[in-house]
Amino acid sequence: MSGYVEEIAPEKVNDLLSNREKLSIVDVRGPEEVATGKIPGAYNLPVNEIQTRMTELDKNKQHIIVCQSGGRSSMASMVLKSNGYNVLNMTGGMNEWNGTTE
């Protein structure tokens, strides 16, 4: 199985949200980081809890994985992909996010 995880640009995620697409966005930052603002509707699943909590995610959906800069989400994406999840890593993370936050 390839270790390569497909990526998606923050602008594309914002476009999809603007078009009212139903997205599963998983924010793998810690709760204190998420408290500073997250993509509306994003589900917080800290990267250090991925192994024990990944069953909370629906394997039949595609999930967009987000962190602060793209590093942790890349690791989390590889873990999820190797466990059969359909994931996209959002490049640049919240540092590159220009859309609304909640």
PDB file of N, CA and C in Angstrom:
ATOM      1  N   MET A   1       0.843  -1.192   0.000  1.00  0.00           N
ATOM      2  CA  MET A   1       0.000   0.000   0.000  1.00  0.00           C
ATOM      3  C   MET A   1       0.878   1.241   0.000  1.00  0.00           C
ATOM      4  N   SER A   2       0.556   2.176  -0.810  1.00  0.00           N
ATOM      5  CA  SER A   2       1.336   3.405  -0.937  1.00  0.00           C
ATOM      6  C   SER A   2       1.174   4.271   0.303  1.00  0.00           C
ATOM      7  N   GLY A   3       2.250   4.928   0.698  1.00  0.00           N
ATOM      8  CA  GLY A   3       2.187   5.830   1.833  1.00  0.00           C
ATOM      9  C   GLY A   3       1.763   7.223   1.419  1.00  0.00           C
ATOM     10  N   TYR A   4       1.546   7.402   0.119  1.00  0.00           N
ATOM     11  CA  TYR A   4       1.202   8.731  -0.382  1.00  0.00           C
ATOM     12  C   TYR A   4      -0.230   9.108  -0.020  1.00  0.00           C
ATOM     13  N   VAL A   5      -0.397  10.280   0.515  1.00  0.00           N
ATOM     14  CA  VAL A   5      -1.724  10.796   0.864  1.00  0.00           C
ATOM     15  C   VAL A   5      -2.013  11.977  -0.057  1.00  0.00           C
ATOM     16  N   GLU A   6      -3.180  11.968  -0.668  1.00  0.00           N
ATOM     17  CA  GLU A   6      -3.553  13.085  -1.533  1.00  0.00           C
ATOM     18  C   GLU A   6      -3.703  14.344  -0.698  1.00  0.00           C
ATOM     19  N   GLU A   7      -3.427  15.480  -1.348  1.00  0.00           N
ATOM     20  CA  GLU A   7      -3.512  16.750  -0.647  1.00  0.00           C
ATOM     21  C   GLU A   7      -4.579  17.636  -1.283  1.00  0.00           C
ATOM     22  N   ILE A   8      -5.049  18.580  -0.487  1.00  0.00           N
ATOM     23  CA  ILE A   8      -6.033  19.542  -0.969  1.00  0.00           C
ATOM     24  C   ILE A   8      -5.607  20.914  -0.449  1.00  0.00           C
ATOM     25  N   ALA A   9      -5.714  21.920  -1.291  1.00  0.00           N
ATOM     26  CA  ALA A   9      -5.331  23.279  -0.895  1.00  0.00           C
ATOM     27  C   ALA A   9      -6.436  23.912  -0.053  1.00  0.00           C
ATOM     28  N   PRO A  10      -6.043  24.768   0.907  1.00  0.00           N
ATOM     29  CA  PRO A  10      -7.049  25.451   1.733  1.00  0.00           C
ATOM     30  C   PRO A  10      -8.090  26.206   0.904  1.00  0.00           C
ATOM     31  N   GLU A  11      -7.657  26.790  -0.214  1.00  0.00           N
ATOM     32  CA  GLU A  11      -8.593  27.537  -1.070  1.00  0.00           C
ATOM     33  C   GLU A  11      -9.668  26.616  -1.624  1.00  0.00           C
ATOM     34  N   LYS A  12      -9.284  25.398  -1.982  1.00  0.00           N
ATOM     35  CA  LYS A  12     -10.236  24.417  -2.520  1.00  0.00           C
ATOM     36  C   LYS A  12     -11.248  24.008  -1.447  1.00  0.00           C
ATOM     37  N   VAL A  13     -10.752  23.799  -0.220  1.00  0.00           N
ATOM     38  CA  VAL A  13     -11.651  23.451   0.890  1.00  0.00           C
ATOM     39  C   VAL A  13     -12.655  24.585   1.096  1.00  0.00           C
ATOM     40  N   ASN A  14     -12.160  25.818   1.062  1.00  0.00           N
ATOM     41  CA  ASN A  14     -13.027  26.982   1.247  1.00  0.00           C
ATOM     42  C   ASN A  14     -14.068  27.063   0.125  1.00  0.00           C
ATOM     43  N   ASP A  15     -13.636  26.784  -1.120  1.00  0.00           N
ATOM     44  CA  ASP A  15     -14.573  26.778  -2.251  1.00  0.00           C
ATOM     45  C   ASP A  15     -15.669  25.749  -2.040  1.00  0.00           C
ATOM     46  N   LEU A  16     -15.284  24.546  -1.610  1.00  0.00           N
ATOM     47  CA  LEU A  16     -16.267  23.479  -1.386  1.00  0.00           C
ATOM     48  C   LEU A  16     -17.250  23.887  -0.298  1.00  0.00           C
ATOM     49  N   LEU A  17     -16.745  24.486   0.787  1.00  0.00           N
ATOM     50  CA  LEU A  17     -17.628  24.936   1.869  1.00  0.00           C
ATOM     51  C   LEU A  17     -18.552  26.046   1.380  1.00  0.00           C
ATOM     52  N   SER A  18     -18.024  26.937   0.541  1.00  0.00           N
ATOM     53  CA  SER A  18     -18.831  28.035  -0.001  1.00  0.00           C
ATOM     54  C   SER A  18     -19.969  27.508  -0.860  1.00  0.00           C
ATOM     55  N   ASN A  19     -19.732  26.359  -1.497  1.00  0.00           N
ATOM     56  CA  ASN A  19     -20.757  25.726  -2.331  1.00  0.00           C
ATOM     57  C   ASN A  19     -21.682  24.829  -1.520  1.00  0.00           C
ATOM     58  N   ARG A  20     -21.584  24.975  -0.191  1.00  0.00           N
ATOM     59  CA  ARG A  20     -22.434  24.198   0.726  1.00  0.00           C
ATOM     60  C   ARG A  20     -22.208  22.688   0.619  1.00  0.00           C
ATOM     61  N   GLU A  21     -21.001  22.304   0.202  1.00  0.00           N
ATOM     62  CA  GLU A  21     -20.679  20.874   0.153  1.00  0.00           C
ATOM     63  C   GLU A  21     -20.649  20.351   1.588  1.00  0.00           C
ATOM     64  N   LYS A  22     -21.092  19.116   1.764  1.00  0.00           N
ATOM     65  CA  LYS A  22     -21.067  18.501   3.090  1.00  0.00           C
ATOM     66  C   LYS A  22     -19.704  17.839   3.235  1.00  0.00           C
ATOM     67  N   LEU A  23     -18.832  18.470   4.009  1.00  0.00           N
ATOM     68  CA  LEU A  23     -17.478  17.957   4.167  1.00  0.00           C
ATOM     69  C   LEU A  23     -17.264  17.414   5.570  1.00  0.00           C
ATOM     70  N   SER A  24     -16.393  16.423   5.660  1.00  0.00           N
ATOM     71  CA  SER A  24     -15.940  15.967   6.972  1.00  0.00           C
ATOM     72  C   SER A  24     -14.532  16.521   7.140  1.00  0.00           C
ATOM     73  N   ILE A  25     -14.411  17.528   8.006  1.00  0.00           N
ATOM     74  CA  ILE A  25     -13.112  18.145   8.271  1.00  0.00           C
ATOM     75  C   ILE A  25     -12.701  17.736   9.678  1.00  0.00           C
ATOM     76  N   VAL A  26     -11.518  17.137   9.769  1.00  0.00           N
ATOM     77  CA  VAL A  26     -11.014  16.666  11.055  1.00  0.00           C
ATOM     78  C   VAL A  26      -9.796  17.511  11.428  1.00  0.00           C
ATOM     79  N   ASP A  27      -9.925  18.254  12.517  1.00  0.00           N
ATOM     80  CA  ASP A  27      -8.843  19.123  12.995  1.00  0.00           C
ATOM     81  C   ASP A  27      -8.047  18.333  14.031  1.00  0.00           C
ATOM     82  N   VAL A  28      -6.781  18.059  13.732  1.00  0.00           N
ATOM     83  CA  VAL A  28      -5.968  17.218  14.612  1.00  0.00           C
ATOM     84  C   VAL A  28      -5.097  18.028  15.581  1.00  0.00           C
ATOM     85  N   ARG A  29      -5.372  19.329  15.696  1.00  0.00           N
ATOM     86  CA  ARG A  29      -4.642  20.140  16.669  1.00  0.00           C
ATOM     87  C   ARG A  29      -5.170  19.872  18.080  1.00  0.00           C
ATOM     88  N   GLY A  30      -4.416  20.325  19.062  1.00  0.00           N
ATOM     89  CA  GLY A  30      -4.866  20.207  20.442  1.00  0.00           C
ATOM     90  C   GLY A  30      -6.025  21.145  20.720  1.00  0.00           C
ATOM     91  N   PRO A  31      -6.816  20.845  21.771  1.00  0.00           N
ATOM     92  CA  PRO A  31      -7.991  21.659  22.110  1.00  0.00           C
ATOM     93  C   PRO A  31      -7.666  23.133  22.317  1.00  0.00           C
ATOM     94  N   GLU A  32      -6.488  23.423  22.885  1.00  0.00           N
ATOM     95  CA  GLU A  32      -6.130  24.825  23.134  1.00  0.00           C
ATOM     96  C   GLU A  32      -5.875  25.560  21.823  1.00  0.00           C
ATOM     97  N   GLU A  33      -5.367  24.862  20.806  1.00  0.00           N
ATOM     98  CA  GLU A  33      -5.165  25.486  19.495  1.00  0.00           C
ATOM     99  C   GLU A  33      -6.503  25.677  18.790  1.00  0.00           C
ATOM    100  N   VAL A  34      -7.358  24.666  18.869  1.00  0.00           N
ATOM    101  CA  VAL A  34      -8.674  24.728  18.229  1.00  0.00           C
ATOM    102  C   VAL A  34      -9.489  25.886  18.807  1.00  0.00           C
ATOM    103  N   ALA A  35      -9.289  26.164  20.095  1.00  0.00           N
ATOM    104  CA  ALA A  35     -10.024  27.246  20.763  1.00  0.00           C
ATOM    105  C   ALA A  35      -9.715  28.607  20.144  1.00  0.00           C
ATOM    106  N   THR A  36      -8.587  28.728  19.445  1.00  0.00           N
ATOM    107  CA  THR A  36      -8.224  29.995  18.807  1.00  0.00           C
ATOM    108  C   THR A  36      -8.944  30.179  17.472  1.00  0.00           C
ATOM    109  N   GLY A  37      -9.663  29.163  17.027  1.00  0.00           N
ATOM    110  CA  GLY A  37     -10.435  29.244  15.787  1.00  0.00           C
ATOM    111  C   GLY A  37     -10.235  28.014  14.935  1.00  0.00           C
ATOM    112  N   LYS A  38     -11.354  27.472  14.440  1.00  0.00           N
ATOM    113  CA  LYS A  38     -11.286  26.306  13.556  1.00  0.00           C
ATOM    114  C   LYS A  38     -12.213  26.522  12.373  1.00  0.00           C
ATOM    115  N   ILE A  39     -12.042  25.681  11.355  1.00  0.00           N
ATOM    116  CA  ILE A  39     -12.923  25.733  10.197  1.00  0.00           C
ATOM    117  C   ILE A  39     -14.325  25.345  10.677  1.00  0.00           C
ATOM    118  N   PRO A  40     -15.354  26.104  10.292  1.00  0.00           N
ATOM    119  CA  PRO A  40     -16.711  25.808  10.761  1.00  0.00           C
ATOM    120  C   PRO A  40     -17.099  24.346  10.507  1.00  0.00           C
ATOM    121  N   GLY A  41     -17.578  23.701  11.564  1.00  0.00           N
ATOM    122  CA  GLY A  41     -18.019  22.316  11.458  1.00  0.00           C
ATOM    123  C   GLY A  41     -16.926  21.284  11.616  1.00  0.00           C
ATOM    124  N   ALA A  42     -15.677  21.728  11.758  1.00  0.00           N
ATOM    125  CA  ALA A  42     -14.574  20.765  11.887  1.00  0.00           C
ATOM    126  C   ALA A  42     -14.704  19.986  13.188  1.00  0.00           C
ATOM    127  N   TYR A  43     -14.316  18.711  13.111  1.00  0.00           N
ATOM    128  CA  TYR A  43     -14.362  17.801  14.246  1.00  0.00           C
ATOM    129  C   TYR A  43     -12.965  17.750  14.846  1.00  0.00           C
ATOM    130  N   ASN A  44     -12.842  17.996  16.148  1.00  0.00           N
ATOM    131  CA  ASN A  44     -11.525  17.986  16.786  1.00  0.00           C
ATOM    132  C   ASN A  44     -11.167  16.578  17.253  1.00  0.00           C
ATOM    133  N   LEU A  45     -10.087  16.050  16.674  1.00  0.00           N
ATOM    134  CA  LEU A  45      -9.549  14.743  17.060  1.00  0.00           C
ATOM    135  C   LEU A  45      -8.031  14.901  17.133  1.00  0.00           C
ATOM    136  N   PRO A  46      -7.506  15.281  18.322  1.00  0.00           N
ATOM    137  CA  PRO A  46      -6.071  15.554  18.440  1.00  0.00           C
ATOM    138  C   PRO A  46      -5.205  14.405  17.914  1.00  0.00           C
ATOM    139  N   VAL A  47      -4.118  14.771  17.229  1.00  0.00           N
ATOM    140  CA  VAL A  47      -3.257  13.783  16.583  1.00  0.00           C
ATOM    141  C   VAL A  47      -2.776  12.718  17.561  1.00  0.00           C
ATOM    142  N   ASN A  48      -2.540  13.094  18.817  1.00  0.00           N
ATOM    143  CA  ASN A  48      -2.047  12.099  19.779  1.00  0.00           C
ATOM    144  C   ASN A  48      -3.136  11.137  20.245  1.00  0.00           C
ATOM    145  N   GLU A  49      -4.371  11.343  19.782  1.00  0.00           N
ATOM    146  CA  GLU A  49      -5.473  10.436  20.129  1.00  0.00           C
ATOM    147  C   GLU A  49      -5.990   9.660  18.915  1.00  0.00           C
ATOM    148  N   ILE A  50      -5.358   9.887  17.748  1.00  0.00           N
ATOM    149  CA  ILE A  50      -5.816   9.250  16.501  1.00  0.00           C
ATOM    150  C   ILE A  50      -5.912   7.724  16.638  1.00  0.00           C
ATOM    151  N   GLN A  51      -4.854   7.110  17.168  1.00  0.00           N
ATOM    152  CA  GLN A  51      -4.819   5.635  17.260  1.00  0.00           C
ATOM    153  C   GLN A  51      -6.001   5.081  18.043  1.00  0.00           C
ATOM    154  N   THR A  52      -6.374   5.750  19.139  1.00  0.00           N
ATOM    155  CA  THR A  52      -7.428   5.220  20.000  1.00  0.00           C
ATOM    156  C   THR A  52      -8.825   5.701  19.635  1.00  0.00           C
ATOM    157  N   ARG A  53      -8.921   6.789  18.858  1.00  0.00           N
ATOM    158  CA  ARG A  53     -10.242   7.351  18.570  1.00  0.00           C
ATOM    159  C   ARG A  53     -10.644   7.330  17.103  1.00  0.00           C
ATOM    160  N   MET A  54      -9.825   6.750  16.228  1.00  0.00           N
ATOM    161  CA  MET A  54     -10.145   6.805  14.794  1.00  0.00           C
ATOM    162  C   MET A  54     -11.484   6.153  14.454  1.00  0.00           C
ATOM    163  N   THR A  55     -11.961   5.241  15.302  1.00  0.00           N
ATOM    164  CA  THR A  55     -13.252   4.591  15.028  1.00  0.00           C
ATOM    165  C   THR A  55     -14.416   5.579  15.102  1.00  0.00           C
ATOM    166  N   GLU A  56     -14.166   6.791  15.630  1.00  0.00           N
ATOM    167  CA  GLU A  56     -15.206   7.829  15.662  1.00  0.00           C
ATOM    168  C   GLU A  56     -15.480   8.367  14.263  1.00  0.00           C
ATOM    169  N   LEU A  57     -14.562   8.106  13.324  1.00  0.00           N
ATOM    170  CA  LEU A  57     -14.721   8.598  11.955  1.00  0.00           C
ATOM    171  C   LEU A  57     -15.373   7.540  11.071  1.00  0.00           C
ATOM    172  N   ASP A  58     -16.219   7.979  10.160  1.00  0.00           N
ATOM    173  CA  ASP A  58     -16.929   7.095   9.236  1.00  0.00           C
ATOM    174  C   ASP A  58     -15.998   6.689   8.092  1.00  0.00           C
ATOM    175  N   LYS A  59     -15.751   5.382   7.972  1.00  0.00           N
ATOM    176  CA  LYS A  59     -14.858   4.892   6.913  1.00  0.00           C
ATOM    177  C   LYS A  59     -15.464   5.079   5.522  1.00  0.00           C
ATOM    178  N   ASN A  60     -16.768   5.322   5.435  1.00  0.00           N
ATOM    179  CA  ASN A  60     -17.423   5.478   4.136  1.00  0.00           C
ATOM    180  C   ASN A  60     -17.381   6.913   3.622  1.00  0.00           C
ATOM    181  N   LYS A  61     -16.801   7.815   4.413  1.00  0.00           N
ATOM    182  CA  LYS A  61     -16.724   9.218   4.003  1.00  0.00           C
ATOM    183  C   LYS A  61     -15.281   9.591   3.737  1.00  0.00           C
ATOM    184  N   GLN A  62     -15.122  10.656   2.949  1.00  0.00           N
ATOM    185  CA  GLN A  62     -13.789  11.227   2.765  1.00  0.00           C
ATOM    186  C   GLN A  62     -13.605  12.298   3.838  1.00  0.00           C
ATOM    187  N   HIS A  63     -12.442  12.289   4.469  1.00  0.00           N
ATOM    188  CA  HIS A  63     -12.153  13.238   5.542  1.00  0.00           C
ATOM    189  C   HIS A  63     -10.997  14.152   5.128  1.00  0.00           C
ATOM    190  N   ILE A  64     -11.146  15.442   5.396  1.00  0.00           N
ATOM    191  CA  ILE A  64     -10.081  16.406   5.150  1.00  0.00           C
ATOM    192  C   ILE A  64      -9.395  16.651   6.494  1.00  0.00           C
ATOM    193  N   ILE A  65      -8.103  16.351   6.541  1.00  0.00           N
ATOM    194  CA  ILE A  65      -7.356  16.433   7.794  1.00  0.00           C
ATOM    195  C   ILE A  65      -6.590  17.761   7.853  1.00  0.00           C
ATOM    196  N   VAL A  66      -6.744  18.472   8.976  1.00  0.00           N
ATOM    197  CA  VAL A  66      -6.205  19.821   9.134  1.00  0.00           C
ATOM    198  C   VAL A  66      -5.413  19.931  10.440  1.00  0.00           C
ATOM    199  N   CYS A  67      -4.283  20.658  10.393  1.00  0.00           N
ATOM    200  CA  CYS A  67      -3.585  21.029  11.628  1.00  0.00           C
ATOM    201  C   CYS A  67      -3.163  22.486  11.498  1.00  0.00           C
ATOM    202  N   GLN A  68      -2.112  22.903  12.190  1.00  0.00           N
ATOM    203  CA  GLN A  68      -1.710  24.304  12.132  1.00  0.00           C
ATOM    204  C   GLN A  68      -0.924  24.627  10.865  1.00  0.00           C
ATOM    205  N   SER A  69       0.027  23.723  10.501  1.00  0.00           N
ATOM    206  CA  SER A  69       0.889  24.031   9.346  1.00  0.00           C
ATOM    207  C   SER A  69       0.925  22.941   8.284  1.00  0.00           C
ATOM    208  N   GLY A  70       0.353  21.776   8.561  1.00  0.00           N
ATOM    209  CA  GLY A  70       0.339  20.694   7.587  1.00  0.00           C
ATOM    210  C   GLY A  70       1.175  19.491   7.981  1.00  0.00           C
ATOM    211  N   GLY A  71       2.019  19.610   9.005  1.00  0.00           N
ATOM    212  CA  GLY A  71       2.888  18.510   9.427  1.00  0.00           C
ATOM    213  C   GLY A  71       2.157  17.413  10.178  1.00  0.00           C
ATOM    214  N   ARG A  72       1.450  17.788  11.236  1.00  0.00           N
ATOM    215  CA  ARG A  72       0.718  16.790  12.020  1.00  0.00           C
ATOM    216  C   ARG A  72      -0.411  16.171  11.209  1.00  0.00           C
ATOM    217  N   SER A  73      -1.073  16.986  10.376  1.00  0.00           N
ATOM    218  CA  SER A  73      -2.173  16.436   9.579  1.00  0.00           C
ATOM    219  C   SER A  73      -1.635  15.431   8.565  1.00  0.00           C
ATOM    220  N   SER A  74      -0.420  15.648   8.078  1.00  0.00           N
ATOM    221  CA  SER A  74       0.195  14.705   7.151  1.00  0.00           C
ATOM    222  C   SER A  74       0.436  13.364   7.843  1.00  0.00           C
ATOM    223  N   MET A  75       0.965  13.405   9.067  1.00  0.00           N
ATOM    224  CA  MET A  75       1.181  12.176   9.836  1.00  0.00           C
ATOM    225  C   MET A  75      -0.143  11.484  10.139  1.00  0.00           C
ATOM    226  N   ALA A  76      -1.117  12.271  10.601  1.00  0.00           N
ATOM    227  CA  ALA A  76      -2.433  11.721  10.938  1.00  0.00           C
ATOM    228  C   ALA A  76      -3.083  11.105   9.702  1.00  0.00           C
ATOM    229  N   SER A  77      -2.923  11.777   8.548  1.00  0.00           N
ATOM    230  CA  SER A  77      -3.494  11.260   7.300  1.00  0.00           C
ATOM    231  C   SER A  77      -2.902   9.906   6.941  1.00  0.00           C
ATOM    232  N   MET A  78      -1.582   9.754   7.127  1.00  0.00           N
ATOM    233  CA  MET A  78      -0.941   8.477   6.808  1.00  0.00           C
ATOM    234  C   MET A  78      -1.433   7.366   7.718  1.00  0.00           C
ATOM    235  N   VAL A  79      -1.593   7.678   9.004  1.00  0.00           N
ATOM    236  CA  VAL A  79      -2.102   6.687   9.958  1.00  0.00           C
ATOM    237  C   VAL A  79      -3.518   6.269   9.557  1.00  0.00           C
ATOM    238  N   LEU A  80      -4.360   7.250   9.273  1.00  0.00           N
ATOM    239  CA  LEU A  80      -5.747   6.950   8.896  1.00  0.00           C
ATOM    240  C   LEU A  80      -5.806   6.172   7.590  1.00  0.00           C
ATOM    241  N   LYS A  81      -5.025   6.602   6.601  1.00  0.00           N
ATOM    242  CA  LYS A  81      -5.030   5.910   5.309  1.00  0.00           C
ATOM    243  C   LYS A  81      -4.601   4.453   5.470  1.00  0.00           C
ATOM    244  N   SER A  82      -3.575   4.222   6.295  1.00  0.00           N
ATOM    245  CA  SER A  82      -3.090   2.854   6.482  1.00  0.00           C
ATOM    246  C   SER A  82      -4.112   1.987   7.209  1.00  0.00           C
ATOM    247  N   ASN A  83      -5.111   2.631   7.826  1.00  0.00           N
ATOM    248  CA  ASN A  83      -6.188   1.898   8.490  1.00  0.00           C
ATOM    249  C   ASN A  83      -7.470   1.882   7.660  1.00  0.00           C
ATOM    250  N   GLY A  84      -7.340   2.235   6.384  1.00  0.00           N
ATOM    251  CA  GLY A  84      -8.472   2.093   5.474  1.00  0.00           C
ATOM    252  C   GLY A  84      -9.378   3.296   5.339  1.00  0.00           C
ATOM    253  N   TYR A  85      -8.952   4.441   5.850  1.00  0.00           N
ATOM    254  CA  TYR A  85      -9.766   5.652   5.737  1.00  0.00           C
ATOM    255  C   TYR A  85      -9.424   6.407   4.462  1.00  0.00           C
ATOM    256  N   ASN A  86     -10.423   7.116   3.920  1.00  0.00           N
ATOM    257  CA  ASN A  86     -10.263   7.933   2.720  1.00  0.00           C
ATOM    258  C   ASN A  86      -9.998   9.361   3.194  1.00  0.00           C
ATOM    259  N   VAL A  87      -8.750   9.822   3.052  1.00  0.00           N
ATOM    260  CA  VAL A  87      -8.376  11.126   3.595  1.00  0.00           C
ATOM    261  C   VAL A  87      -7.674  12.021   2.584  1.00  0.00           C
ATOM    262  N   LEU A  88      -7.796  13.315   2.805  1.00  0.00           N
ATOM    263  CA  LEU A  88      -7.049  14.344   2.076  1.00  0.00           C
ATOM    264  C   LEU A  88      -6.361  15.196   3.132  1.00  0.00           C
ATOM    265  N   ASN A  89      -5.093  15.498   2.927  1.00  0.00           N
ATOM    266  CA  ASN A  89      -4.371  16.373   3.845  1.00  0.00           C
ATOM    267  C   ASN A  89      -4.456  17.812   3.333  1.00  0.00           C
ATOM    268  N   MET A  90      -4.961  18.718   4.182  1.00  0.00           N
ATOM    269  CA  MET A  90      -5.021  20.123   3.767  1.00  0.00           C
ATOM    270  C   MET A  90      -3.637  20.742   3.936  1.00  0.00           C
ATOM    271  N   THR A  91      -3.050  21.146   2.817  1.00  0.00           N
ATOM    272  CA  THR A  91      -1.703  21.716   2.822  1.00  0.00           C
ATOM    273  C   THR A  91      -1.677  23.069   3.527  1.00  0.00           C
ATOM    274  N   GLY A  92      -0.598  23.323   4.239  1.00  0.00           N
ATOM    275  CA  GLY A  92      -0.429  24.628   4.883  1.00  0.00           C
ATOM    276  C   GLY A  92      -1.205  24.823   6.167  1.00  0.00           C
ATOM    277  N   GLY A  93      -2.169  23.937   6.419  1.00  0.00           N
ATOM    278  CA  GLY A  93      -2.943  24.006   7.654  1.00  0.00           C
ATOM    279  C   GLY A  93      -3.650  25.327   7.867  1.00  0.00           C
ATOM    280  N   MET A  94      -3.945  25.599   9.137  1.00  0.00           N
ATOM    281  CA  MET A  94      -4.668  26.820   9.483  1.00  0.00           C
ATOM    282  C   MET A  94      -3.829  28.075   9.208  1.00  0.00           C
ATOM    283  N   ASN A  95      -2.506  27.921   9.107  1.00  0.00           N
ATOM    284  CA  ASN A  95      -1.658  29.065   8.761  1.00  0.00           C
ATOM    285  C   ASN A  95      -2.019  29.624   7.395  1.00  0.00           C
ATOM    286  N   GLU A  96      -2.523  28.744   6.504  1.00  0.00           N
ATOM    287  CA  GLU A  96      -2.858  29.152   5.136  1.00  0.00           C
ATOM    288  C   GLU A  96      -4.358  29.379   4.940  1.00  0.00           C
ATOM    289  N   TRP A  97      -5.140  29.155   5.987  1.00  0.00           N
ATOM    290  CA  TRP A  97      -6.604  29.237   5.883  1.00  0.00           C
ATOM    291  C   TRP A  97      -7.065  30.686   5.853  1.00  0.00           C
ATOM    292  N   ASN A  98      -7.793  31.059   4.799  1.00  0.00           N
ATOM    293  CA  ASN A  98      -8.308  32.428   4.674  1.00  0.00           C
ATOM    294  C   ASN A  98      -9.817  32.499   4.826  1.00  0.00           C
ATOM    295  N   GLY A  99     -10.442  31.341   5.027  1.00  0.00           N
ATOM    296  CA  GLY A  99     -11.891  31.305   5.149  1.00  0.00           C
ATOM    297  C   GLY A  99     -12.342  31.696   6.566  1.00  0.00           C
ATOM    298  N   THR A 100     -13.636  31.567   6.794  1.00  0.00           N
ATOM    299  CA  THR A 100     -14.174  31.911   8.109  1.00  0.00           C
ATOM    300  C   THR A 100     -13.758  30.854   9.123  1.00  0.00           C
ATOM    301  N   THR A 101     -13.751  31.253  10.378  1.00  0.00           N
ATOM    302  CA  THR A 101     -13.473  30.306  11.480  1.00  0.00           C
ATOM    303  C   THR A 101     -14.549  30.457  12.525  1.00  0.00           C
ATOM    304  N   GLU A 102     -14.656  29.455  13.367  1.00  0.00           N
ATOM    305  CA  GLU A 102     -15.597  29.530  14.483  1.00  0.00           C
ATOM    306  C   GLU A 102     -14.875  29.208  15.777  1.00  0.00           C
TER     307      GLU A 102
END
